[in-house]
C-alpha atoms as a PDB file:
ATOM      1  CA  MET A   1     -18.277 -18.265  -2.181  1.00  0.00           C
ATOM      2  CA  LYS A   2     -16.127 -15.403  -3.506  1.00  0.00           C
ATOM      3  CA  ASN A   3     -15.118 -12.271  -1.650  1.00  0.00           C
ATOM      4  CA  ALA A   4     -13.801  -9.049  -3.124  1.00  0.00           C
ATOM      5  CA  SER A   5     -11.365  -6.462  -1.794  1.00  0.00           C
ATOM      6  CA  ILE A   6     -11.997  -3.162  -3.572  1.00  0.00           C
ATOM      7  CA  ASP A   7      -9.544  -0.278  -3.400  1.00  0.00           C
ATOM      8  CA  PHE A   8     -10.882   2.947  -4.935  1.00  0.00           C
ATOM      9  CA  GLY A   9      -7.720   4.930  -5.605  1.00  0.00           C
ATOM     10  CA  ASN A  10      -7.144   8.352  -7.120  1.00  0.00           C
ATOM     11  CA  THR A  11      -7.137   7.109 -10.714  1.00  0.00           C
ATOM     12  CA  ARG A  12      -8.214   3.450 -10.825  1.00  0.00           C
ATOM     13  CA  VAL A  13     -10.232   0.872  -8.937  1.00  0.00           C
ATOM     14  CA  LYS A  14      -8.210  -2.184  -7.941  1.00  0.00           C
ATOM     15  CA  ILE A  15     -10.175  -5.343  -7.174  1.00  0.00           C
ATOM     16  CA  GLY A  16      -8.924  -8.591  -5.686  1.00  0.00           C
ATOM     17  CA  LEU A  17     -11.107 -11.699  -5.841  1.00  0.00           C
ATOM     18  CA  PHE A  18     -10.626 -14.193  -3.015  1.00  0.00           C
ATOM     19  CA  LYS A  19     -11.856 -17.592  -1.956  1.00  0.00           C
ATOM     20  CA  ASN A  20     -11.213 -17.687   1.767  1.00  0.00           C
ATOM     21  CA  GLN A  21      -7.626 -16.366   1.946  1.00  0.00           C
ATOM     22  CA  GLU A  22      -6.596 -17.441  -1.558  1.00  0.00           C
ATOM     23  CA  LEU A  23      -6.187 -14.583  -4.026  1.00  0.00           C
ATOM     24  CA  LEU A  24      -7.793 -15.792  -7.246  1.00  0.00           C
ATOM     25  CA  ASP A  25      -7.367 -12.800  -9.531  1.00  0.00           C
ATOM     26  CA  ILE A  26      -6.765  -9.046  -9.678  1.00  0.00           C
ATOM     27  CA  PHE A  27      -8.572  -6.551 -11.882  1.00  0.00           C
ATOM     28  CA  ARG A  28      -8.213  -2.827 -12.515  1.00  0.00           C
ATOM     29  CA  VAL A  29     -11.184  -0.823 -13.759  1.00  0.00           C
ATOM     30  CA  GLY A  30     -11.966   2.840 -14.168  1.00  0.00           C
ATOM     31  CA  THR A  31     -15.453   3.352 -12.739  1.00  0.00           C
ATOM     32  CA  LEU A  32     -17.883   2.154 -10.097  1.00  0.00           C
ATOM     33  CA  SER A  33     -20.225   0.761 -12.747  1.00  0.00           C
ATOM     34  CA  GLU A  34     -17.383  -1.286 -14.254  1.00  0.00           C
ATOM     35  CA  ALA A  35     -16.542  -2.590 -10.790  1.00  0.00           C
ATOM     36  CA  ALA A  36     -20.179  -3.567 -10.192  1.00  0.00           C
ATOM     37  CA  GLU A  37     -20.387  -5.428 -13.506  1.00  0.00           C
ATOM     38  CA  LEU A  38     -17.184  -7.320 -12.750  1.00  0.00           C
ATOM     39  CA  LEU A  39     -18.464  -8.375  -9.326  1.00  0.00           C
ATOM     40  CA  ARG A  40     -21.725  -9.603 -10.880  1.00  0.00           C
ATOM     41  CA  VAL A  41     -19.920 -11.577 -13.574  1.00  0.00           C
ATOM     42  CA  HIS A  42     -17.762 -13.307 -10.949  1.00  0.00           C
ATOM     43  CA  SER A  43     -20.677 -13.986  -8.573  1.00  0.00           C
ATOM     44  CA  VAL A  44     -19.169 -12.085  -5.658  1.00  0.00           C
ATOM     45  CA  GLU A  45     -21.312 -12.094  -2.538  1.00  0.00           C
ATOM     46  CA  ASN A  46     -19.235 -10.210   0.044  1.00  0.00           C
ATOM     47  CA  ALA A  47     -16.944  -7.225  -0.399  1.00  0.00           C
ATOM     48  CA  ILE A  48     -14.881  -4.729   1.540  1.00  0.00           C
ATOM     49  CA  VAL A  49     -14.222  -1.239   0.229  1.00  0.00           C
ATOM     50  CA  SER A  50     -11.439   1.235   0.864  1.00  0.00           C
ATOM     51  CA  SER A  51     -12.176   4.513  -0.888  1.00  0.00           C
ATOM     52  CA  VAL A  52     -10.390   7.862  -0.976  1.00  0.00           C
ATOM     53  CA  THR A  53     -12.449   9.211  -3.860  1.00  0.00           C
ATOM     54  CA  ILE A  54     -16.074   8.038  -4.110  1.00  0.00           C
ATOM     55  CA  SER A  55     -18.480   8.433  -1.178  1.00  0.00           C
ATOM     56  CA  ASN A  56     -19.708   5.393   0.715  1.00  0.00           C
ATOM     57  CA  THR A  57     -23.279   6.356  -0.142  1.00  0.00           C
ATOM     58  CA  GLU A  58     -22.590   6.274  -3.876  1.00  0.00           C
ATOM     59  CA  ILE A  59     -20.745   2.981  -3.601  1.00  0.00           C
ATOM     60  CA  SER A  60     -23.555   1.461  -1.541  1.00  0.00           C
ATOM     61  CA  LYS A  61     -26.052   2.300  -4.275  1.00  0.00           C
ATOM     62  CA  GLY A  62     -23.842   0.870  -6.998  1.00  0.00           C
ATOM     63  CA  LEU A  63     -23.126  -2.367  -5.122  1.00  0.00           C
ATOM     64  CA  LYS A  64     -26.470  -2.890  -3.394  1.00  0.00           C
ATOM     65  CA  PHE A  65     -26.794  -6.378  -4.946  1.00  0.00           C
ATOM     66  CA  LEU A  66     -24.040  -7.748  -2.681  1.00  0.00           C
ATOM     67  CA  GLU A  67     -24.992  -9.888   0.287  1.00  0.00           C
ATOM     68  CA  SER A  68     -22.643  -7.921   2.561  1.00  0.00           C
ATOM     69  CA  LEU A  69     -20.622  -4.765   1.979  1.00  0.00           C
ATOM     70  CA  LEU A  70     -18.125  -3.466   4.543  1.00  0.00           C
ATOM     71  CA  PHE A  71     -16.526  -0.028   4.401  1.00  0.00           C
ATOM     72  CA  LEU A  72     -13.112   0.276   6.014  1.00  0.00           C
ATOM     73  CA  ASP A  73     -12.779   3.295   8.283  1.00  0.00           C
ATOM     74  CA  PHE A  74     -11.175   4.162  11.613  1.00  0.00           C
ATOM     75  CA  LYS A  75     -14.024   2.470  13.514  1.00  0.00           C
ATOM     76  CA  THR A  76     -13.783  -0.880  11.712  1.00  0.00           C
ATOM     77  CA  PRO A  77     -12.795  -3.726  14.071  1.00  0.00           C
ATOM     78  CA  LEU A  78      -9.375  -5.094  13.131  1.00  0.00           C
ATOM     79  CA  PRO A  79      -7.653  -8.436  13.720  1.00  0.00           C
ATOM     80  CA  ILE A  80      -4.618  -6.536  15.072  1.00  0.00           C
ATOM     81  CA  GLU A  81      -4.231  -3.792  17.645  1.00  0.00           C
ATOM     82  CA  ASN A  82      -3.958  -0.228  16.381  1.00  0.00           C
ATOM     83  CA  ASN A  83      -1.624   1.896  18.510  1.00  0.00           C
ATOM     84  CA  TYR A  84      -1.725   4.924  16.199  1.00  0.00           C
ATOM     85  CA  VAL A  85      -2.434   8.043  18.256  1.00  0.00           C
ATOM     86  CA  THR A  86      -4.550   9.687  15.523  1.00  0.00           C
ATOM     87  CA  PRO A  87      -6.527   6.789  13.974  1.00  0.00           C
ATOM     88  CA  THR A  88      -8.903   9.166  12.166  1.00  0.00           C
ATOM     89  CA  THR A  89      -5.986  10.374  10.011  1.00  0.00           C
ATOM     90  CA  LEU A  90      -4.458   6.964   9.327  1.00  0.00           C
ATOM     91  CA  GLY A  91      -4.590   6.020   5.647  1.00  0.00           C
ATOM     92  CA  TYR A  92      -6.734   2.990   4.939  1.00  0.00           C
ATOM     93  CA  ASP A  93      -4.032   1.542   2.709  1.00  0.00           C
ATOM     94  CA  ARG A  94      -1.542   1.684   5.569  1.00  0.00           C
ATOM     95  CA  ILE A  95      -3.713  -0.198   8.052  1.00  0.00           C
ATOM     96  CA  ALA A  96      -4.807  -2.724   5.406  1.00  0.00           C
ATOM     97  CA  ALA A  97      -1.168  -3.398   4.491  1.00  0.00           C
ATOM     98  CA  ALA A  98      -0.359  -3.819   8.183  1.00  0.00           C
ATOM     99  CA  VAL A  99      -3.098  -6.426   8.538  1.00  0.00           C
ATOM    100  CA  GLY A 100      -1.825  -8.155   5.400  1.00  0.00           C
ATOM    101  CA  ALA A 101       1.729  -8.280   6.761  1.00  0.00           C
ATOM    102  CA  ASN A 102       0.524  -9.680  10.071  1.00  0.00           C
ATOM    103  CA  LEU A 103      -1.493 -12.320   8.212  1.00  0.00           C
ATOM    104  CA  ARG A 104       1.647 -13.448   6.385  1.00  0.00           C
ATOM    105  CA  TYR A 105       3.984 -13.204   9.357  1.00  0.00           C
ATOM    106  CA  PRO A 106       2.047 -13.403  12.636  1.00  0.00           C
ATOM    107  CA  ASP A 107       3.948 -12.789  15.867  1.00  0.00           C
ATOM    108  CA  GLN A 108       6.849 -11.212  13.967  1.00  0.00           C
ATOM    109  CA  ASN A 109       8.104  -7.648  13.689  1.00  0.00           C
ATOM    110  CA  CYS A 110       7.283  -6.559  10.134  1.00  0.00           C
ATOM    111  CA  LEU A 111       8.462  -3.396   8.412  1.00  0.00           C
ATOM    112  CA  ILE A 112       6.301  -2.552   5.395  1.00  0.00           C
ATOM    113  CA  ILE A 113       7.907  -0.245   2.844  1.00  0.00           C
ATOM    114  CA  ASP A 114       5.325   1.076   0.394  1.00  0.00           C
ATOM    115  CA  ILE A 115       7.150   2.926  -2.388  1.00  0.00           C
ATOM    116  CA  GLY A 116       4.640   5.022  -4.283  1.00  0.00           C
ATOM    117  CA  THR A 117       3.539   8.657  -4.486  1.00  0.00           C
ATOM    118  CA  ALA A 118       4.820   8.868  -0.930  1.00  0.00           C
ATOM    119  CA  ILE A 119       7.173   6.361   0.671  1.00  0.00           C
ATOM    120  CA  LYS A 120       5.611   4.852   3.762  1.00  0.00           C
ATOM    121  CA  TYR A 121       7.483   2.789   6.332  1.00  0.00           C
ATOM    122  CA  ASP A 122       5.104   1.084   8.763  1.00  0.00           C
ATOM    123  CA  LEU A 123       5.878  -1.237  11.645  1.00  0.00           C
ATOM    124  CA  VAL A 124       3.724  -4.122  12.839  1.00  0.00           C
ATOM    125  CA  SER A 125       5.119  -5.505  16.083  1.00  0.00           C
ATOM    126  CA  ALA A 126       5.564  -9.084  17.178  1.00  0.00           C
ATOM    127  CA  ASP A 127       2.735  -8.310  19.608  1.00  0.00           C
ATOM    128  CA  ASN A 128       0.456  -8.114  16.526  1.00  0.00           C
ATOM    129  CA  ALA A 129      -0.024  -4.358  16.757  1.00  0.00           C
ATOM    130  CA  PHE A 130       0.305  -1.513  14.275  1.00  0.00           C
ATOM    131  CA  GLU A 131       2.786   0.897  15.835  1.00  0.00           C
ATOM    132  CA  GLY A 132       3.063   3.668  13.222  1.00  0.00           C
ATOM    133  CA  GLY A 133       5.929   4.594  10.962  1.00  0.00           C
ATOM    134  CA  ILE A 134       7.438   7.186   8.639  1.00  0.00           C
ATOM    135  CA  ILE A 135       6.140   9.072   5.586  1.00  0.00           C
ATOM    136  CA  SER A 136       8.527  10.715   3.135  1.00  0.00           C
ATOM    137  CA  PRO A 137       8.229  12.091  -0.416  1.00  0.00           C
ATOM    138  CA  GLY A 138       8.238   9.610  -3.281  1.00  0.00           C
ATOM    139  CA  ARG A 139      10.083   9.705  -6.586  1.00  0.00           C
ATOM    140  CA  LYS A 140       7.729  12.001  -8.506  1.00  0.00           C
ATOM    141  CA  MET A 141       7.359  14.375  -5.565  1.00  0.00           C
ATOM    142  CA  ARG A 142      11.114  14.784  -5.335  1.00  0.00           C
ATOM    143  CA  PHE A 143      11.577  15.459  -9.023  1.00  0.00           C
ATOM    144  CA  SER A 144       8.663  17.911  -8.940  1.00  0.00           C
ATOM    145  CA  ALA A 145      10.064  19.750  -5.912  1.00  0.00           C
ATOM    146  CA  LEU A 146      13.463  20.229  -7.569  1.00  0.00           C
ATOM    147  CA  HIS A 147      11.738  21.795 -10.568  1.00  0.00           C
ATOM    148  CA  THR A 148       9.115  23.801  -8.686  1.00  0.00           C
ATOM    149  CA  PHE A 149      11.350  25.389  -6.066  1.00  0.00           C
ATOM    150  CA  THR A 150      14.250  26.326  -8.328  1.00  0.00           C
ATOM    151  CA  LYS A 151      14.461  28.626 -11.341  1.00  0.00           C
ATOM    152  CA  LYS A 152      16.385  26.516 -13.822  1.00  0.00           C
ATOM    153  CA  LEU A 153      16.188  22.816 -12.955  1.00  0.00           C
ATOM    154  CA  PRO A 154      14.074  20.844 -15.434  1.00  0.00           C
ATOM    155  CA  LEU A 155      11.111  18.625 -14.583  1.00  0.00           C
ATOM    156  CA  LEU A 156      12.273  15.014 -14.839  1.00  0.00           C
ATOM    157  CA  ASP A 157      10.419  11.738 -14.513  1.00  0.00           C
ATOM    158  CA  THR A 158      12.698   8.730 -14.753  1.00  0.00           C
ATOM    159  CA  VAL A 159      12.899   5.329 -13.110  1.00  0.00           C
ATOM    160  CA  GLU A 160      16.509   4.566 -14.036  1.00  0.00           C
ATOM    161  CA  ILE A 161      18.984   4.468 -11.148  1.00  0.00           C
ATOM    162  CA  PRO A 162      22.239   5.976 -12.506  1.00  0.00           C
ATOM    163  CA  GLU A 163      25.798   5.876 -11.243  1.00  0.00           C
ATOM    164  CA  LEU A 164      26.260   7.812  -8.031  1.00  0.00           C
ATOM    165  CA  LEU A 165      28.373  10.527  -9.644  1.00  0.00           C
ATOM    166  CA  GLY A 166      26.419  12.621 -12.126  1.00  0.00           C
ATOM    167  CA  ASN A 167      28.231  14.534 -14.871  1.00  0.00           C
ATOM    168  CA  SER A 168      25.328  16.653 -16.142  1.00  0.00           C
ATOM    169  CA  THR A 169      22.494  18.529 -14.481  1.00  0.00           C
ATOM    170  CA  GLU A 170      19.983  15.861 -15.392  1.00  0.00           C
ATOM    171  CA  SER A 171      22.181  12.971 -14.243  1.00  0.00           C
ATOM    172  CA  CYS A 172      22.972  14.819 -11.002  1.00  0.00           C
ATOM    173  CA  MET A 173      19.259  15.308 -10.337  1.00  0.00           C
ATOM    174  CA  THR A 174      18.473  11.712 -11.217  1.00  0.00           C
ATOM    175  CA  SER A 175      21.216  10.432  -8.952  1.00  0.00           C
ATOM    176  CA  GLY A 176      20.060  12.671  -6.130  1.00  0.00           C
ATOM    177  CA  VAL A 177      16.493  11.444  -6.315  1.00  0.00           C
ATOM    178  CA  MET A 178      16.945   7.768  -7.141  1.00  0.00           C
ATOM    179  CA  ASN A 179      20.135   7.023  -5.198  1.00  0.00           C
ATOM    180  CA  GLY A 180      18.818   9.251  -2.430  1.00  0.00           C
ATOM    181  CA  ILE A 181      15.690   7.104  -2.100  1.00  0.00           C
ATOM    182  CA  ALA A 182      17.760   3.913  -2.121  1.00  0.00           C
ATOM    183  CA  ALA A 183      20.061   5.305   0.578  1.00  0.00           C
ATOM    184  CA  GLU A 184      17.057   6.404   2.644  1.00  0.00           C
ATOM    185  CA  ILE A 185      15.452   2.956   2.453  1.00  0.00           C
ATOM    186  CA  ASN A 186      18.658   1.169   3.449  1.00  0.00           C
ATOM    187  CA  GLY A 187      19.345   3.657   6.216  1.00  0.00           C
ATOM    188  CA  ILE A 188      15.894   3.302   7.764  1.00  0.00           C
ATOM    189  CA  ILE A 189      16.029  -0.505   7.607  1.00  0.00           C
ATOM    190  CA  ASP A 190      19.454  -0.320   9.245  1.00  0.00           C
ATOM    191  CA  GLU A 191      18.095   1.786  12.124  1.00  0.00           C
ATOM    192  CA  TYR A 192      15.244  -0.657  12.733  1.00  0.00           C
ATOM    193  CA  ILE A 193      17.504  -3.707  12.586  1.00  0.00           C
ATOM    194  CA  LYS A 194      19.681  -2.217  15.330  1.00  0.00           C
ATOM    195  CA  LYS A 195      16.663  -2.535  17.633  1.00  0.00           C
ATOM    196  CA  LEU A 196      14.491  -5.368  16.301  1.00  0.00           C
ATOM    197  CA  LYS A 197      14.600  -8.721  14.599  1.00  0.00           C
ATOM    198  CA  LEU A 198      12.717  -7.765  11.467  1.00  0.00           C
ATOM    199  CA  THR A 199      10.905  -9.088   8.412  1.00  0.00           C
ATOM    200  CA  VAL A 200      10.892  -6.499   5.611  1.00  0.00           C
ATOM    201  CA  LEU A 201       8.164  -6.374   2.962  1.00  0.00           C
ATOM    202  CA  ILE A 202       8.107  -4.004   0.006  1.00  0.00           C
ATOM    203  CA  CYS A 203       5.154  -2.966  -2.103  1.00  0.00           C
ATOM    204  CA  GLY A 204       3.890   0.006  -4.105  1.00  0.00           C
ATOM    205  CA  GLY A 205       4.101   1.028  -7.737  1.00  0.00           C
ATOM    206  CA  ASP A 206       7.751   2.139  -7.576  1.00  0.00           C
ATOM    207  CA  ALA A 207       8.990  -0.844  -5.556  1.00  0.00           C
ATOM    208  CA  PRO A 208      10.369  -2.778  -8.576  1.00  0.00           C
ATOM    209  CA  TYR A 209      12.754   0.078  -9.400  1.00  0.00           C
ATOM    210  CA  PHE A 210      14.507  -0.167  -6.027  1.00  0.00           C
ATOM    211  CA  GLU A 211      14.460  -3.909  -5.261  1.00  0.00           C
ATOM    212  CA  THR A 212      18.046  -4.474  -6.429  1.00  0.00           C
ATOM    213  CA  LYS A 213      19.309  -1.497  -4.427  1.00  0.00           C
ATOM    214  CA  ILE A 214      18.044  -2.732  -1.058  1.00  0.00           C
ATOM    215  CA  LYS A 215      20.923  -4.337   0.845  1.00  0.00           C
ATOM    216  CA  TYR A 216      18.763  -6.389   3.199  1.00  0.00           C
ATOM    217  CA  PRO A 217      16.591  -9.481   2.569  1.00  0.00           C
ATOM    218  CA  THR A 218      13.113  -8.362   1.598  1.00  0.00           C
ATOM    219  CA  PHE A 219       9.873  -9.983   0.494  1.00  0.00           C
ATOM    220  CA  ALA A 220       7.976  -8.490  -2.446  1.00  0.00           C
ATOM    221  CA  ALA A 221       4.294  -8.155  -1.531  1.00  0.00           C
ATOM    222  CA  PRO A 222       2.562  -6.233  -4.336  1.00  0.00           C
ATOM    223  CA  ASN A 223      -0.933  -7.279  -3.221  1.00  0.00           C
ATOM    224  CA  LEU A 224      -0.510  -6.668   0.498  1.00  0.00           C
ATOM    225  CA  VAL A 225      -3.309  -4.077   0.737  1.00  0.00           C
ATOM    226  CA  LEU A 226      -5.824  -6.353  -1.000  1.00  0.00           C
ATOM    227  CA  GLU A 227      -4.792  -9.286   1.200  1.00  0.00           C
ATOM    228  CA  GLY A 228      -5.198  -7.162   4.305  1.00  0.00           C
ATOM    229  CA  LEU A 229      -8.612  -5.921   3.208  1.00  0.00           C
ATOM    230  CA  ASN A 230      -9.773  -9.483   2.664  1.00  0.00           C
ATOM    231  CA  ARG A 231      -8.559 -10.459   6.144  1.00  0.00           C
ATOM    232  CA  ILE A 232     -10.468  -7.527   7.675  1.00  0.00           C
ATOM    233  CA  LEU A 233     -13.585  -8.608   5.773  1.00  0.00           C
ATOM    234  CA  GLN A 234     -13.260 -12.141   7.100  1.00  0.00           C
ATOM    235  CA  TYR A 235     -12.786 -10.818  10.622  1.00  0.00           C
ATOM    236  CA  ASN A 236     -15.984  -8.759  10.454  1.00  0.00           C
ATOM    237  CA  VAL A 237     -18.371 -10.897   8.408  1.00  0.00           C
ATOM    238  CA  THR A 238     -19.310 -14.345   9.666  1.00  0.00           C
ATOM    239  CA  GLU A 239     -19.998 -17.351   7.475  1.00  0.00           C
ATOM    240  CA  ILE A 240     -17.907 -16.314   4.483  1.00  0.00           C
END
């Protein structure tokens, strides 16, 4: 019996196919109808959905052939405690990644660093609880802000991490953004390590650009959200 974790993002739909806790394959499609066809082809019976774009009603209609369909929201029972003070505003990707980290490293303090549009640092405690974290601007946001809030700085979009000392406007901007992010990541890990024995996981679309700049041992976990979604599905649906 196959399960699917479905993450409806801003631009694409990311689908993970699982058998129990084993991730079999990952697909990216553009529409709900494409997602439905893929699930049919792979004989998926149970699925969990995290959506920031399409309504649950529309998704329910498109995937009505599934035996069970679970929508992740702030009321969904979780296999970990959620100590976030405002659970209604907590991003589904953040809580799913937290569950995924706890699945990999139960009873350990885990810091999840998701480097994407925003950079999110989230802590799962050794007591198996989501404690919250930090949100800061990501790479593209920082480049955009430099351009938008000044009169002459150009709009850049680069993933190269240059030498610290820039010798042109563009190299100074690039160093400020890219080396600034690297310094931020190392600094935040350092502050946590002063207080906790920690396992650090990194994920997100921009994570590969900063892996070599992180001074602490880390574990790459590009599919952490999908793994967490699958664990939440298993926790809520019996006999799968």
